[in-house]
C-alpha atoms as a PDB file:
ATOM      1  CA  MET A   1     -10.546  66.469 -52.380  1.00  0.00           C
ATOM      2  CA  PRO A   2     -11.704  63.787 -54.860  1.00  0.00           C
ATOM      3  CA  PRO A   3     -12.916  64.993 -58.350  1.00  0.00           C
ATOM      4  CA  PRO A   4     -16.742  65.490 -58.542  1.00  0.00           C
ATOM      5  CA  ASP A   5     -17.320  62.294 -60.556  1.00  0.00           C
ATOM      6  CA  ARG A   6     -15.556  60.168 -58.003  1.00  0.00           C
ATOM      7  CA  VAL A   7     -17.991  60.393 -55.033  1.00  0.00           C
ATOM      8  CA  PRO A   8     -16.945  57.883 -52.294  1.00  0.00           C
ATOM      9  CA  ALA A   9     -19.369  55.063 -51.880  1.00  0.00           C
ATOM     10  CA  ASP A  10     -21.426  54.466 -48.938  1.00  0.00           C
ATOM     11  CA  PRO A  11     -20.105  51.522 -46.748  1.00  0.00           C
ATOM     12  CA  PRO A  12     -22.423  48.302 -47.124  1.00  0.00           C
ATOM     13  CA  GLU A  13     -24.918  47.823 -44.423  1.00  0.00           C
ATOM     14  CA  SER A  14     -24.377  44.902 -42.102  1.00  0.00           C
ATOM     15  CA  GLY A  15     -27.870  43.390 -43.231  1.00  0.00           C
ATOM     16  CA  SER A  16     -27.122  43.701 -46.962  1.00  0.00           C
ATOM     17  CA  PRO A  17     -27.116  40.592 -48.970  1.00  0.00           C
ATOM     18  CA  ALA A  18     -23.638  39.003 -49.975  1.00  0.00           C
ATOM     19  CA  SER A  19     -22.096  40.054 -53.095  1.00  0.00           C
ATOM     20  CA  GLY A  20     -19.430  38.626 -55.348  1.00  0.00           C
ATOM     21  CA  ALA A  21     -18.356  34.979 -55.750  1.00  0.00           C
ATOM     22  CA  PRO A  22     -20.110  33.631 -52.675  1.00  0.00           C
ATOM     23  CA  SER A  23     -23.417  34.961 -53.715  1.00  0.00           C
ATOM     24  CA  TRP A  24     -23.451  33.024 -56.939  1.00  0.00           C
ATOM     25  CA  LEU A  25     -21.536  30.021 -55.690  1.00  0.00           C
ATOM     26  CA  ASP A  26     -23.826  29.266 -52.809  1.00  0.00           C
ATOM     27  CA  PRO A  27     -26.730  27.742 -54.868  1.00  0.00           C
ATOM     28  CA  LEU A  28     -24.247  25.278 -56.401  1.00  0.00           C
ATOM     29  CA  PHE A  29     -23.448  23.992 -52.917  1.00  0.00           C
ATOM     30  CA  SER A  30     -27.010  24.094 -51.418  1.00  0.00           C
ATOM     31  CA  ASP A  31     -28.927  22.604 -54.412  1.00  0.00           C
ATOM     32  CA  PRO A  32     -28.184  19.111 -54.862  1.00  0.00           C
ATOM     33  CA  GLY A  33     -29.603  19.233 -58.555  1.00  0.00           C
ATOM     34  CA  LEU A  34     -26.649  21.573 -59.261  1.00  0.00           C
ATOM     35  CA  TRP A  35     -23.933  19.358 -57.928  1.00  0.00           C
ATOM     36  CA  PRO A  36     -23.261  17.675 -61.335  1.00  0.00           C
ATOM     37  CA  LEU A  37     -22.533  21.220 -62.628  1.00  0.00           C
ATOM     38  CA  LEU A  38     -20.253  22.043 -59.678  1.00  0.00           C
ATOM     39  CA  CYS A  39     -18.454  18.767 -60.435  1.00  0.00           C
ATOM     40  CA  VAL A  40     -17.938  19.573 -64.135  1.00  0.00           C
ATOM     41  CA  LEU A  41     -16.889  23.225 -63.336  1.00  0.00           C
ATOM     42  CA  SER A  42     -14.371  22.118 -60.797  1.00  0.00           C
ATOM     43  CA  LEU A  43     -12.968  19.393 -62.987  1.00  0.00           C
ATOM     44  CA  SER A  44     -12.709  21.893 -65.734  1.00  0.00           C
ATOM     45  CA  LEU A  45     -10.735  24.184 -63.627  1.00  0.00           C
ATOM     46  CA  VAL A  46      -8.400  21.564 -62.153  1.00  0.00           C
ATOM     47  CA  THR A  47      -7.649  20.590 -65.864  1.00  0.00           C
ATOM     48  CA  VAL A  48      -6.825  24.163 -66.715  1.00  0.00           C
ATOM     49  CA  GLY A  49      -4.684  24.556 -63.558  1.00  0.00           C
ATOM     50  CA  ALA A  50      -2.773  21.449 -64.259  1.00  0.00           C
ATOM     51  CA  ALA A  51      -2.105  22.357 -67.769  1.00  0.00           C
ATOM     52  CA  LEU A  52      -0.713  25.787 -66.486  1.00  0.00           C
ATOM     53  CA  LEU A  53       1.331  24.090 -64.101  1.00  0.00           C
ATOM     54  CA  LEU A  54       2.848  21.565 -66.568  1.00  0.00           C
ATOM     55  CA  LEU A  55       3.570  24.287 -69.108  1.00  0.00           C
ATOM     56  CA  ALA A  56       5.105  26.708 -66.756  1.00  0.00           C
ATOM     57  CA  VAL A  57       7.138  24.287 -64.933  1.00  0.00           C
ATOM     58  CA  SER A  58       7.914  21.403 -67.155  1.00  0.00           C
ATOM     59  CA  GLU A  59       8.076  23.299 -70.469  1.00  0.00           C
ATOM     60  CA  ARG A  60       9.323  26.623 -68.922  1.00  0.00           C
ATOM     61  CA  ARG A  61       7.223  28.825 -71.281  1.00  0.00           C
ATOM     62  CA  PRO A  62       7.252  32.255 -70.331  1.00  0.00           C
ATOM     63  CA  SER A  63       3.616  32.913 -71.478  1.00  0.00           C
ATOM     64  CA  ALA A  64       2.537  29.964 -69.312  1.00  0.00           C
ATOM     65  CA  LEU A  65       4.472  31.146 -66.195  1.00  0.00           C
ATOM     66  CA  LEU A  66       2.936  34.708 -66.593  1.00  0.00           C
ATOM     67  CA  ALA A  67      -0.403  33.268 -66.896  1.00  0.00           C
ATOM     68  CA  LEU A  68       0.186  30.955 -63.946  1.00  0.00           C
ATOM     69  CA  LEU A  69       1.359  34.045 -61.796  1.00  0.00           C
ATOM     70  CA  LEU A  70      -1.598  36.026 -62.820  1.00  0.00           C
ATOM     71  CA  VAL A  71      -4.119  33.157 -61.973  1.00  0.00           C
ATOM     72  CA  ALA A  72      -2.389  32.310 -58.730  1.00  0.00           C
ATOM     73  CA  GLY A  73      -2.260  35.945 -57.697  1.00  0.00           C
ATOM     74  CA  VAL A  74      -5.860  36.503 -58.276  1.00  0.00           C
ATOM     75  CA  SER A  75      -6.613  33.235 -56.457  1.00  0.00           C
ATOM     76  CA  VAL A  76      -4.522  34.342 -53.283  1.00  0.00           C
ATOM     77  CA  GLU A  77      -5.958  37.752 -53.479  1.00  0.00           C
ATOM     78  CA  GLY A  78      -9.502  36.463 -53.587  1.00  0.00           C
ATOM     79  CA  VAL A  79      -9.042  34.047 -50.785  1.00  0.00           C
ATOM     80  CA  LEU A  80      -7.412  36.682 -48.594  1.00  0.00           C
ATOM     81  CA  ARG A  81     -10.013  39.220 -49.300  1.00  0.00           C
ATOM     82  CA  HIS A  82     -12.805  36.713 -48.516  1.00  0.00           C
ATOM     83  CA  ARG A  83     -10.983  35.737 -45.260  1.00  0.00           C
ATOM     84  CA  ARG A  84     -10.692  39.335 -44.298  1.00  0.00           C
ATOM     85  CA  ALA A  85     -14.396  40.064 -44.811  1.00  0.00           C
ATOM     86  CA  ARG A  86     -15.671  37.029 -42.975  1.00  0.00           C
ATOM     87  CA  GLY A  87     -12.976  36.539 -40.374  1.00  0.00           C
ATOM     88  CA  ARG A  88     -12.522  32.898 -41.513  1.00  0.00           C
ATOM     89  CA  LEU A  89     -12.047  30.729 -44.677  1.00  0.00           C
ATOM     90  CA  GLY A  90     -15.505  29.977 -46.135  1.00  0.00           C
ATOM     91  CA  ARG A  91     -16.578  27.727 -48.936  1.00  0.00           C
ATOM     92  CA  VAL A  92     -15.000  29.870 -51.632  1.00  0.00           C
ATOM     93  CA  GLY A  93     -11.649  29.992 -49.963  1.00  0.00           C
ATOM     94  CA  TRP A  94     -11.502  26.076 -49.401  1.00  0.00           C
ATOM     95  CA  LEU A  95     -12.817  25.480 -52.985  1.00  0.00           C
ATOM     96  CA  VAL A  96      -9.925  27.515 -54.345  1.00  0.00           C
ATOM     97  CA  ILE A  97      -7.375  25.877 -52.037  1.00  0.00           C
ATOM     98  CA  ALA A  98      -8.783  22.462 -53.128  1.00  0.00           C
ATOM     99  CA  LEU A  99      -8.757  23.187 -56.887  1.00  0.00           C
ATOM    100  CA  TRP A 100      -5.107  24.299 -56.606  1.00  0.00           C
ATOM    101  CA  ALA A 101      -4.243  21.116 -54.659  1.00  0.00           C
ATOM    102  CA  ALA A 102      -6.142  18.957 -57.112  1.00  0.00           C
ATOM    103  CA  SER A 103      -4.341  20.654 -59.940  1.00  0.00           C
ATOM    104  CA  GLY A 104      -0.955  20.148 -58.548  1.00  0.00           C
ATOM    105  CA  GLY A 105      -1.823  16.462 -57.927  1.00  0.00           C
ATOM    106  CA  VAL A 106      -2.875  15.939 -61.566  1.00  0.00           C
ATOM    107  CA  ALA A 107       0.078  17.547 -62.743  1.00  0.00           C
ATOM    108  CA  ALA A 108       2.306  15.523 -60.499  1.00  0.00           C
ATOM    109  CA  ILE A 109       0.570  12.265 -61.709  1.00  0.00           C
ATOM    110  CA  VAL A 110       0.838  13.362 -65.360  1.00  0.00           C
ATOM    111  CA  VAL A 111       4.605  13.918 -64.929  1.00  0.00           C
ATOM    112  CA  ALA A 112       5.091  10.619 -62.891  1.00  0.00           C
ATOM    113  CA  THR A 113       3.357   8.455 -65.536  1.00  0.00           C
ATOM    114  CA  GLY A 114       5.509   9.993 -68.224  1.00  0.00           C
ATOM    115  CA  ILE A 115       2.430  11.334 -70.211  1.00  0.00           C
ATOM    116  CA  PHE A 116       3.996  14.744 -70.308  1.00  0.00           C
END
């Protein structure tokens, strides 16, 4: 029996509004006035992801490797949870995959050009 302060939550109703990341990311996709913000946010995340990849792989820094594993784990868990909930990969899932692919591409270009 669960403790009295831990009462199980009621399951969400099928008609309840979306919660989590999709609920606050949807306006960024649907409103063209917010697309510049989406671009800046995406490019910032790509830069941080590329820096983590470069520091973890090229420099072999343990702290960067730990941060990369943590961020990648959260990303994978979020995509899988979103996919299980909707039965398909939605905007958020594809956005996370695209951001990681772009981060890997930027890191590869930086290494290939000899910048890092």
